[in-house]
Amino acid sequence: MARPKQGIIFSLEAVLAKLLETNQALYDRVVQLESALMGDVVAVKKGRKPGRPAGHKRGRKPSGKVCSVPGCGRKHAAKGLCANHYQQKRMKDKEKAAPAKK
């Protein structure tokens, strides 16, 4: 004669099986409700956002300024300098401000 299954693992397996059955039943019901409410839904066409005119570009408008360093004809980025010369100036200022390590 076989012994009846007992113990915490068996009881957890039984509870888990009931939860899985309930979960599947709920999932099936949600799918039914979704199809009843939504019907045949057509995918939304992706495109430009409404309210923005065609050809609209983000960012700043070009100022027309050029770098103030003689011989450099690149576009102005900040403080009268192009991006390259501005970064060079920042690094020089940083080196001057930092105390020399011994």
N, C-alpha and C. Protein backbone atom coordinates (compact mmCIF):
# COMPACT_ATOMS: atom_id res chain seq x y z
N MET A 1 0.84 -1.17 0.00
CA MET A 1 0.00 0.00 0.00
C MET A 1 0.89 1.24 0.00
N ALA A 2 0.62 2.18 -0.92
CA ALA A 2 1.43 3.38 -1.06
C ALA A 2 1.07 4.39 0.02
N ARG A 3 2.09 5.06 0.50
CA ARG A 3 1.84 6.09 1.51
C ARG A 3 1.29 7.35 0.84
N PRO A 4 0.38 8.03 1.50
CA PRO A 4 -0.12 9.28 0.92
C PRO A 4 1.00 10.34 0.93
N LYS A 5 0.99 11.17 -0.12
CA LYS A 5 2.01 12.21 -0.20
C LYS A 5 1.71 13.28 0.84
N GLN A 6 2.73 13.63 1.58
CA GLN A 6 2.58 14.63 2.62
C GLN A 6 3.79 15.54 2.58
N GLY A 7 3.73 16.55 3.35
CA GLY A 7 4.87 17.44 3.48
C GLY A 7 4.64 18.77 2.81
N ILE A 8 5.54 19.67 3.09
CA ILE A 8 5.40 21.04 2.61
C ILE A 8 5.59 21.15 1.10
N ILE A 9 6.47 20.33 0.53
CA ILE A 9 6.70 20.41 -0.91
C ILE A 9 5.46 19.99 -1.68
N PHE A 10 4.81 18.91 -1.24
CA PHE A 10 3.60 18.47 -1.92
C PHE A 10 2.51 19.53 -1.82
N SER A 11 2.35 20.15 -0.65
CA SER A 11 1.30 21.17 -0.50
C SER A 11 1.63 22.40 -1.34
N LEU A 12 2.91 22.76 -1.45
CA LEU A 12 3.30 23.89 -2.29
C LEU A 12 3.05 23.58 -3.76
N GLU A 13 3.32 22.35 -4.17
CA GLU A 13 3.06 21.97 -5.56
C GLU A 13 1.57 22.05 -5.87
N ALA A 14 0.74 21.64 -4.94
CA ALA A 14 -0.71 21.69 -5.16
C ALA A 14 -1.19 23.14 -5.28
N VAL A 15 -0.68 24.02 -4.40
CA VAL A 15 -1.08 25.43 -4.44
C VAL A 15 -0.60 26.07 -5.73
N LEU A 16 0.62 25.76 -6.14
CA LEU A 16 1.17 26.32 -7.37
C LEU A 16 0.36 25.87 -8.58
N ALA A 17 -0.05 24.62 -8.62
CA ALA A 17 -0.85 24.11 -9.74
C ALA A 17 -2.18 24.87 -9.82
N LYS A 18 -2.81 25.13 -8.68
CA LYS A 18 -4.08 25.88 -8.66
C LYS A 18 -3.86 27.31 -9.16
N LEU A 19 -2.75 27.93 -8.72
CA LEU A 19 -2.45 29.30 -9.16
C LEU A 19 -2.22 29.37 -10.67
N LEU A 20 -1.53 28.37 -11.20
CA LEU A 20 -1.28 28.35 -12.64
C LEU A 20 -2.57 28.19 -13.43
N GLU A 21 -3.49 27.36 -12.93
CA GLU A 21 -4.79 27.19 -13.59
C GLU A 21 -5.57 28.50 -13.56
N THR A 22 -5.57 29.17 -12.40
CA THR A 22 -6.29 30.44 -12.26
C THR A 22 -5.67 31.50 -13.17
N ASN A 23 -4.34 31.55 -13.22
CA ASN A 23 -3.65 32.52 -14.06
C ASN A 23 -4.01 32.32 -15.52
N GLN A 24 -4.04 31.08 -15.98
CA GLN A 24 -4.38 30.80 -17.37
C GLN A 24 -5.81 31.21 -17.66
N ALA A 25 -6.71 30.92 -16.72
CA ALA A 25 -8.12 31.30 -16.91
C ALA A 25 -8.26 32.82 -16.99
N LEU A 26 -7.55 33.54 -16.13
CA LEU A 26 -7.60 35.00 -16.17
C LEU A 26 -7.02 35.54 -17.48
N TYR A 27 -5.93 34.96 -17.93
CA TYR A 27 -5.32 35.39 -19.18
C TYR A 27 -6.29 35.20 -20.34
N ASP A 28 -6.95 34.04 -20.39
CA ASP A 28 -7.91 33.78 -21.46
C ASP A 28 -9.05 34.79 -21.43
N ARG A 29 -9.51 35.13 -20.23
CA ARG A 29 -10.61 36.10 -20.09
C ARG A 29 -10.17 37.49 -20.54
N VAL A 30 -8.96 37.89 -20.20
CA VAL A 30 -8.46 39.20 -20.61
C VAL A 30 -8.35 39.27 -22.12
N VAL A 31 -7.91 38.21 -22.76
CA VAL A 31 -7.81 38.18 -24.22
C VAL A 31 -9.20 38.33 -24.83
N GLN A 32 -10.20 37.66 -24.26
CA GLN A 32 -11.56 37.78 -24.76
C GLN A 32 -12.08 39.21 -24.62
N LEU A 33 -11.85 39.80 -23.46
CA LEU A 33 -12.31 41.17 -23.23
C LEU A 33 -11.60 42.16 -24.15
N GLU A 34 -10.31 41.96 -24.35
CA GLU A 34 -9.55 42.86 -25.21
C GLU A 34 -10.07 42.79 -26.65
N SER A 35 -10.34 41.60 -27.14
CA SER A 35 -10.83 41.48 -28.50
C SER A 35 -12.24 42.05 -28.63
N ALA A 36 -13.06 41.92 -27.57
CA ALA A 36 -14.40 42.47 -27.61
C ALA A 36 -14.37 44.00 -27.59
N LEU A 37 -13.48 44.57 -26.80
CA LEU A 37 -13.41 46.03 -26.69
C LEU A 37 -12.71 46.67 -27.89
N MET A 38 -11.62 46.09 -28.32
CA MET A 38 -10.81 46.71 -29.36
C MET A 38 -11.25 46.34 -30.77
N GLY A 39 -11.79 45.17 -30.92
CA GLY A 39 -12.18 44.74 -32.25
C GLY A 39 -10.95 44.57 -33.12
N ASP A 40 -11.08 44.89 -34.39
CA ASP A 40 -9.95 44.82 -35.31
C ASP A 40 -9.23 46.16 -35.26
N VAL A 41 -8.09 46.17 -34.61
CA VAL A 41 -7.32 47.40 -34.47
C VAL A 41 -6.27 47.45 -35.57
N VAL A 42 -6.21 48.59 -36.23
CA VAL A 42 -5.22 48.79 -37.29
C VAL A 42 -3.99 49.43 -36.66
N ALA A 43 -2.82 48.99 -37.05
CA ALA A 43 -1.58 49.54 -36.51
C ALA A 43 -1.46 51.01 -36.88
N VAL A 44 -0.96 51.79 -35.95
CA VAL A 44 -0.81 53.22 -36.17
C VAL A 44 0.40 53.45 -37.07
N LYS A 45 0.19 54.31 -38.06
CA LYS A 45 1.27 54.63 -38.98
C LYS A 45 2.24 55.59 -38.32
N LYS A 46 3.54 55.26 -38.37
CA LYS A 46 4.54 56.14 -37.78
C LYS A 46 4.92 57.21 -38.79
N GLY A 47 5.16 58.38 -38.28
CA GLY A 47 5.57 59.48 -39.14
C GLY A 47 6.01 60.64 -38.27
N ARG A 48 6.03 61.81 -38.84
CA ARG A 48 6.44 62.97 -38.05
C ARG A 48 5.37 63.30 -37.03
N LYS A 49 5.77 63.95 -35.97
CA LYS A 49 4.84 64.29 -34.91
C LYS A 49 3.90 65.39 -35.37
N PRO A 50 2.65 65.36 -34.94
CA PRO A 50 1.71 66.40 -35.35
C PRO A 50 2.10 67.75 -34.75
N GLY A 51 1.81 68.80 -35.48
CA GLY A 51 2.08 70.14 -34.99
C GLY A 51 3.44 70.67 -35.38
N ARG A 52 4.28 69.82 -35.91
CA ARG A 52 5.60 70.26 -36.32
C ARG A 52 5.59 70.38 -37.84
N PRO A 53 5.93 71.54 -38.37
CA PRO A 53 5.87 71.71 -39.82
C PRO A 53 6.88 70.82 -40.54
N ALA A 54 6.56 70.45 -41.75
CA ALA A 54 7.45 69.62 -42.54
C ALA A 54 8.76 70.38 -42.77
N GLY A 55 9.86 69.68 -42.68
CA GLY A 55 11.15 70.30 -42.89
C GLY A 55 11.71 70.99 -41.66
N HIS A 56 11.03 70.87 -40.53
CA HIS A 56 11.49 71.51 -39.29
C HIS A 56 12.75 70.82 -38.81
N LYS A 57 13.77 71.62 -38.48
CA LYS A 57 15.01 71.06 -37.96
C LYS A 57 15.16 71.45 -36.51
N ARG A 58 15.66 70.50 -35.71
CA ARG A 58 15.87 70.77 -34.29
C ARG A 58 17.18 71.48 -34.09
N GLY A 59 17.34 72.05 -32.92
CA GLY A 59 18.60 72.68 -32.56
C GLY A 59 18.59 74.18 -32.83
N ARG A 60 19.75 74.77 -32.62
CA ARG A 60 19.88 76.21 -32.80
C ARG A 60 19.96 76.58 -34.28
N LYS A 61 19.56 77.80 -34.55
CA LYS A 61 19.71 78.31 -35.90
C LYS A 61 21.16 78.71 -36.10
N PRO A 62 21.71 78.48 -37.26
CA PRO A 62 23.11 78.87 -37.49
C PRO A 62 23.26 80.39 -37.39
N SER A 63 24.31 80.83 -36.68
CA SER A 63 24.50 82.26 -36.46
C SER A 63 25.29 82.91 -37.58
N GLY A 64 26.09 82.13 -38.31
CA GLY A 64 26.90 82.70 -39.39
C GLY A 64 28.24 83.20 -38.89
N LYS A 65 28.50 83.12 -37.57
CA LYS A 65 29.77 83.57 -37.02
C LYS A 65 30.84 82.52 -37.29
N VAL A 66 32.10 83.00 -37.34
CA VAL A 66 33.22 82.08 -37.52
C VAL A 66 34.18 82.24 -36.34
N CYS A 67 35.08 81.30 -36.20
CA CYS A 67 36.06 81.28 -35.11
C CYS A 67 36.93 82.53 -35.16
N SER A 68 37.26 83.09 -33.99
CA SER A 68 38.04 84.33 -33.92
C SER A 68 39.55 84.08 -34.01
N VAL A 69 39.99 82.83 -34.06
CA VAL A 69 41.41 82.53 -34.20
C VAL A 69 41.82 82.81 -35.65
N PRO A 70 42.89 83.59 -35.85
CA PRO A 70 43.31 83.91 -37.23
C PRO A 70 43.63 82.64 -38.03
N GLY A 71 43.11 82.58 -39.24
CA GLY A 71 43.37 81.45 -40.12
C GLY A 71 42.37 80.32 -39.96
N CYS A 72 41.56 80.36 -38.94
CA CYS A 72 40.55 79.30 -38.74
C CYS A 72 39.22 79.81 -39.28
N GLY A 73 38.63 79.08 -40.17
CA GLY A 73 37.38 79.53 -40.76
C GLY A 73 36.19 78.67 -40.35
N ARG A 74 36.35 77.90 -39.27
CA ARG A 74 35.26 77.01 -38.83
C ARG A 74 34.13 77.80 -38.17
N LYS A 75 32.98 77.12 -38.02
CA LYS A 75 31.81 77.76 -37.42
C LYS A 75 32.05 78.03 -35.94
N HIS A 76 31.51 79.14 -35.47
CA HIS A 76 31.58 79.56 -34.08
C HIS A 76 30.81 78.57 -33.21
N ALA A 77 31.39 78.17 -32.06
CA ALA A 77 30.70 77.27 -31.13
C ALA A 77 30.41 77.98 -29.82
N ALA A 78 31.45 78.57 -29.18
CA ALA A 78 31.25 79.23 -27.90
C ALA A 78 32.37 80.25 -27.68
N LYS A 79 32.01 81.35 -27.07
CA LYS A 79 32.98 82.39 -26.69
C LYS A 79 33.87 82.82 -27.84
N GLY A 80 33.29 82.90 -29.04
CA GLY A 80 34.03 83.38 -30.19
C GLY A 80 34.96 82.36 -30.82
N LEU A 81 34.93 81.12 -30.36
CA LEU A 81 35.83 80.08 -30.86
C LEU A 81 35.05 78.92 -31.45
N CYS A 82 35.73 78.18 -32.34
CA CYS A 82 35.13 76.94 -32.86
C CYS A 82 35.25 75.88 -31.76
N ALA A 83 34.66 74.73 -31.97
CA ALA A 83 34.66 73.69 -30.95
C ALA A 83 36.07 73.24 -30.61
N ASN A 84 36.94 73.10 -31.62
CA ASN A 84 38.30 72.64 -31.40
C ASN A 84 39.09 73.66 -30.55
N HIS A 85 39.06 74.92 -30.94
CA HIS A 85 39.82 75.93 -30.21
C HIS A 85 39.23 76.18 -28.82
N TYR A 86 37.92 76.06 -28.69
CA TYR A 86 37.30 76.22 -27.38
C TYR A 86 37.79 75.14 -26.41
N GLN A 87 37.87 73.89 -26.88
CA GLN A 87 38.35 72.80 -26.03
C GLN A 87 39.82 73.00 -25.67
N GLN A 88 40.63 73.46 -26.63
CA GLN A 88 42.04 73.73 -26.34
C GLN A 88 42.16 74.80 -25.26
N LYS A 89 41.36 75.86 -25.36
CA LYS A 89 41.40 76.93 -24.36
C LYS A 89 40.98 76.41 -22.99
N ARG A 90 39.96 75.55 -22.95
CA ARG A 90 39.51 74.99 -21.68
C ARG A 90 40.60 74.16 -21.03
N MET A 91 41.31 73.36 -21.82
CA MET A 91 42.38 72.52 -21.26
C MET A 91 43.52 73.38 -20.73
N LYS A 92 43.89 74.46 -21.44
CA LYS A 92 44.95 75.35 -20.97
C LYS A 92 44.55 76.02 -19.67
N ASP A 93 43.29 76.49 -19.60
CA ASP A 93 42.80 77.12 -18.37
C ASP A 93 42.78 76.13 -17.22
N LYS A 94 42.46 74.89 -17.50
CA LYS A 94 42.40 73.86 -16.49
C LYS A 94 43.81 73.56 -15.93
N GLU A 95 44.79 73.52 -16.81
CA GLU A 95 46.17 73.27 -16.39
C GLU A 95 46.69 74.42 -15.53
N LYS A 96 46.33 75.65 -15.88
CA LYS A 96 46.77 76.81 -15.09
C LYS A 96 46.14 76.80 -13.72
N ALA A 97 44.87 76.42 -13.63
CA ALA A 97 44.14 76.46 -12.36
C ALA A 97 44.56 75.34 -11.43
N ALA A 98 44.94 74.20 -11.96
CA ALA A 98 45.31 73.04 -11.14
C ALA A 98 46.71 73.26 -10.54
N PRO A 99 46.87 73.02 -9.23
CA PRO A 99 48.19 73.15 -8.63
C PRO A 99 49.12 72.02 -9.13
N ALA A 100 50.38 72.35 -9.23
CA ALA A 100 51.35 71.36 -9.70
C ALA A 100 51.57 70.29 -8.64
N LYS A 101 51.50 69.03 -9.02
CA LYS A 101 51.68 67.91 -8.07
C LYS A 101 53.16 67.58 -8.01
N LYS A 102 53.64 67.31 -6.82
CA LYS A 102 55.06 66.97 -6.64
C LYS A 102 55.21 65.54 -6.22
